[in-house]
Amino acid sequence: MLTRILLIITSLAGCTVFDKTNIQPGQRIQGLGFSFEAPSDKSWYASVYGTGNEIKLNQLNFDDSYSILVAMNRGPRWGMYKSAEQHLRALKQYHRQTRPPEGFIEKTHQEWIDSRFGAICVRRYHIGENWAGRNNAGPAIVETESLICPHQSLRNVLVTVELSRRYEAYAETVPLRPLADQLFLSFEYESLN
């Protein structure tokens, strides 16, 4: 059943039309079963849109770049988490068992329950150095805030909303949390019925 729902989502998402190369701040981005607003004061472009269970937006600047990734995935095999604590434990275990990408050195990470967005929502923050594919001396810094929640009307579907900033070590300090909160607060679930 879930595979069928995701197949319908995939086919209908391809029908959505808007300017993928000039997404304005505050513009509502419509996925199937959800929508959100692009934060910040600069425009975005879509690198993945209408091709599956995810949407990816990017914003390139001189010393930094941002990305937003929204992905819908099947929840746990045994059914949705019964509590936020159970979801948090599963997230921590998953990240303990997952190796970081080649060339990435994680400096710090945190996972916590964030009930402002739903009873079973968990949040993750991590920052690290990315040495892979560098033309400049030294690493790029990658900072990411994620929110993972059950979809409110699709059974056993988790939605991950992630905001990342990749920047040079000498780039201006920009707090990521206010932009992440703005993105997460704009997120709305929609029924497919």
Protein backbone atom coordinates (compact mmCIF):
# COMPACT_ATOMS: atom_id res chain seq x y z
CA MET A 1 0.00 0.00 0.00
CA LEU A 2 2.77 2.43 0.95
CA THR A 3 4.65 1.62 -2.27
CA ARG A 4 1.49 2.39 -4.21
CA ILE A 5 1.06 5.75 -2.41
CA LEU A 6 4.70 6.69 -3.09
CA LEU A 7 4.25 5.69 -6.77
CA ILE A 8 1.21 7.98 -7.03
CA ILE A 9 3.19 10.74 -5.34
CA THR A 10 6.03 10.28 -7.82
CA SER A 11 3.78 10.44 -10.87
CA LEU A 12 1.76 13.43 -9.67
CA ALA A 13 4.83 15.36 -8.50
CA GLY A 14 6.07 15.40 -12.08
CA CYS A 15 2.92 17.35 -13.05
CA THR A 16 3.73 20.28 -10.74
CA VAL A 17 4.83 23.38 -12.69
CA PHE A 18 6.67 26.42 -11.38
CA ASP A 19 9.94 28.20 -12.14
CA LYS A 20 12.50 25.76 -10.75
CA THR A 21 15.39 28.16 -11.37
CA ASN A 22 14.08 31.17 -9.46
CA ILE A 23 12.28 30.18 -6.27
CA GLN A 24 11.75 33.30 -4.22
CA PRO A 25 12.17 33.50 -0.44
CA GLY A 26 8.83 32.83 1.24
CA GLN A 27 7.45 31.15 -1.89
CA ARG A 28 5.41 28.04 -1.06
CA ILE A 29 6.94 24.88 -2.49
CA GLN A 30 4.34 22.22 -3.12
CA GLY A 31 5.21 18.55 -2.81
CA LEU A 32 2.71 15.75 -2.70
CA GLY A 33 1.45 15.45 0.82
CA PHE A 34 3.37 18.48 2.09
CA SER A 35 4.42 22.04 1.37
CA PHE A 36 6.95 24.49 2.81
CA GLU A 37 8.37 27.96 2.29
CA ALA A 38 11.94 28.63 1.21
CA PRO A 39 13.63 30.73 3.96
CA SER A 40 16.29 33.50 3.73
CA ASP A 41 16.33 36.67 1.64
CA LYS A 42 17.85 35.20 -1.56
CA SER A 43 16.34 33.02 -4.28
CA TRP A 44 16.74 29.25 -4.59
CA TYR A 45 16.75 26.75 -7.46
CA ALA A 46 15.51 23.16 -7.49
CA SER A 47 18.06 20.47 -8.31
CA VAL A 48 15.59 17.64 -7.60
CA TYR A 49 11.88 18.21 -8.06
CA GLY A 50 9.10 15.88 -9.17
CA THR A 51 11.37 12.88 -9.72
CA GLY A 52 10.59 10.76 -6.67
CA ASN A 53 10.04 10.98 -2.96
CA GLU A 54 12.22 14.07 -2.42
CA ILE A 55 12.67 17.74 -3.22
CA LYS A 56 16.07 19.42 -3.10
CA LEU A 57 16.60 23.17 -3.34
CA ASN A 58 19.97 24.94 -3.52
CA GLN A 59 21.24 28.45 -3.07
CA LEU A 60 24.78 29.34 -4.16
CA ASN A 61 26.51 32.40 -2.75
CA PHE A 62 30.10 33.66 -2.92
CA ASP A 63 31.51 32.05 0.23
CA ASP A 64 28.75 29.61 1.09
CA SER A 65 25.92 27.53 -0.28
CA TYR A 66 22.69 26.27 1.25
CA SER A 67 20.55 23.27 0.48
CA ILE A 68 17.10 22.13 1.58
CA LEU A 69 16.23 18.48 1.27
CA VAL A 70 12.74 17.15 2.01
CA ALA A 71 12.37 13.38 1.74
CA MET A 72 9.50 11.00 2.47
CA ASN A 73 10.50 7.47 3.41
CA ARG A 74 8.94 4.36 4.82
CA GLY A 75 8.85 4.30 8.61
CA PRO A 76 10.09 1.44 10.81
CA ARG A 77 9.26 -2.12 9.75
CA TRP A 78 7.20 -2.82 12.85
CA GLY A 79 4.94 0.26 12.48
CA MET A 80 5.34 3.88 13.46
CA TYR A 81 7.17 4.85 16.64
CA LYS A 82 4.94 4.85 19.73
CA SER A 83 6.82 7.66 21.47
CA ALA A 84 9.32 10.42 20.79
CA GLU A 85 11.82 8.65 23.05
CA GLN A 86 11.60 5.49 20.91
CA HIS A 87 12.10 7.57 17.75
CA LEU A 88 15.09 9.38 19.30
CA ARG A 89 16.73 6.08 20.36
CA ALA A 90 16.30 4.69 16.84
CA LEU A 91 17.80 7.84 15.28
CA LYS A 92 20.83 7.73 17.59
CA GLN A 93 21.37 4.02 16.90
CA TYR A 94 21.11 4.61 13.14
CA HIS A 95 23.75 7.35 13.23
CA ARG A 96 26.07 5.25 15.43
CA GLN A 97 25.96 2.49 12.80
CA THR A 98 26.27 4.77 9.74
CA ARG A 99 29.71 5.72 8.46
CA PRO A 100 30.20 9.36 7.47
CA PRO A 101 30.77 10.13 3.77
CA GLU A 102 34.32 9.84 2.44
CA GLY A 103 36.35 12.90 3.44
CA PHE A 104 33.89 14.14 6.09
CA ILE A 105 35.06 14.53 9.70
CA GLU A 106 32.20 15.16 12.11
CA LYS A 107 33.11 17.64 14.86
CA THR A 108 29.90 17.65 16.88
CA HIS A 109 26.35 16.34 16.74
CA GLN A 110 23.20 16.46 18.85
CA GLU A 111 19.86 14.70 18.64
CA TRP A 112 16.83 15.69 20.69
CA ILE A 113 13.04 15.59 20.86
CA ASP A 114 11.43 18.73 19.48
CA SER A 115 7.71 18.49 20.27
CA ARG A 116 6.98 21.96 18.85
CA PHE A 117 6.56 20.25 15.47
CA GLY A 118 4.71 17.10 16.56
CA ALA A 119 4.55 14.60 19.39
CA ILE A 120 7.03 12.16 17.82
CA CYS A 121 9.38 14.61 16.05
CA VAL A 122 13.12 14.48 16.62
CA ARG A 123 15.73 16.97 15.57
CA ARG A 124 19.39 16.55 14.67
CA TYR A 125 22.24 19.02 14.37
CA HIS A 126 25.74 18.26 13.18
CA ILE A 127 28.77 20.15 11.97
CA GLY A 128 32.00 18.93 10.49
CA GLU A 129 34.81 19.38 8.01
CA ASN A 130 34.48 18.20 4.43
CA TRP A 131 37.85 17.55 2.76
CA ALA A 132 36.46 15.79 -0.33
CA GLY A 133 36.79 17.41 -3.77
CA ARG A 134 38.45 20.61 -2.51
CA ASN A 135 40.03 23.17 -4.86
CA ASN A 136 40.73 25.55 -1.97
CA ALA A 137 43.18 24.94 0.84
CA GLY A 138 41.72 23.34 3.94
CA PRO A 139 38.27 21.85 4.47
CA ALA A 140 34.83 23.25 3.81
CA ILE A 141 32.61 23.43 6.88
CA VAL A 142 29.23 21.69 6.61
CA GLU A 143 26.52 22.49 9.16
CA THR A 144 23.14 20.73 9.07
CA GLU A 145 19.85 20.98 10.98
CA SER A 146 17.28 18.21 10.40
CA LEU A 147 13.75 17.51 11.58
CA ILE A 148 12.24 14.02 11.24
CA CYS A 149 8.50 13.55 11.85
CA PRO A 150 5.80 11.04 10.95
CA HIS A 151 3.56 12.27 8.14
CA GLN A 152 0.26 13.32 9.65
CA SER A 153 -2.02 11.61 7.14
CA LEU A 154 0.09 8.86 5.49
CA ARG A 155 0.51 5.67 7.50
CA ASN A 156 4.06 4.64 8.36
CA VAL A 157 5.75 7.45 6.41
CA LEU A 158 8.53 9.57 7.89
CA VAL A 159 9.32 13.02 6.52
CA THR A 160 12.84 14.42 6.88
CA VAL A 161 13.36 18.16 6.40
CA GLU A 162 17.01 19.17 6.28
CA LEU A 163 18.73 22.55 5.94
CA SER A 164 22.49 22.56 5.29
CA ARG A 165 25.07 25.28 4.92
CA ARG A 166 28.44 24.55 3.31
CA TYR A 167 30.98 27.33 3.65
CA GLU A 168 34.64 28.24 3.65
CA ALA A 169 36.33 28.47 7.05
CA TYR A 170 36.84 32.22 6.53
CA ALA A 171 33.19 32.91 5.57
CA GLU A 172 30.99 35.15 7.66
CA THR A 173 29.44 33.51 10.72
CA VAL A 174 25.73 32.97 10.06
CA PRO A 175 23.56 31.21 12.65
CA LEU A 176 21.76 28.31 10.94
CA ARG A 177 19.16 27.66 13.65
CA PRO A 178 16.89 30.70 12.92
CA LEU A 179 16.69 29.72 9.22
CA ALA A 180 16.04 26.09 10.16
CA ASP A 181 13.27 27.11 12.58
CA GLN A 182 11.72 29.30 9.87
CA LEU A 183 11.78 26.39 7.42
CA PHE A 184 10.43 23.85 9.92
CA LEU A 185 7.65 26.15 11.11
CA SER A 186 6.51 26.74 7.50
CA PHE A 187 6.12 22.99 6.87
CA GLU A 188 2.52 21.80 6.34
CA TYR A 189 1.19 18.29 5.81
CA GLU A 190 -1.59 17.66 3.33
CA SER A 191 -3.88 14.71 2.84
CA LEU A 192 -3.72 12.80 -0.45
CA ASN A 193 -7.36 11.69 -0.17
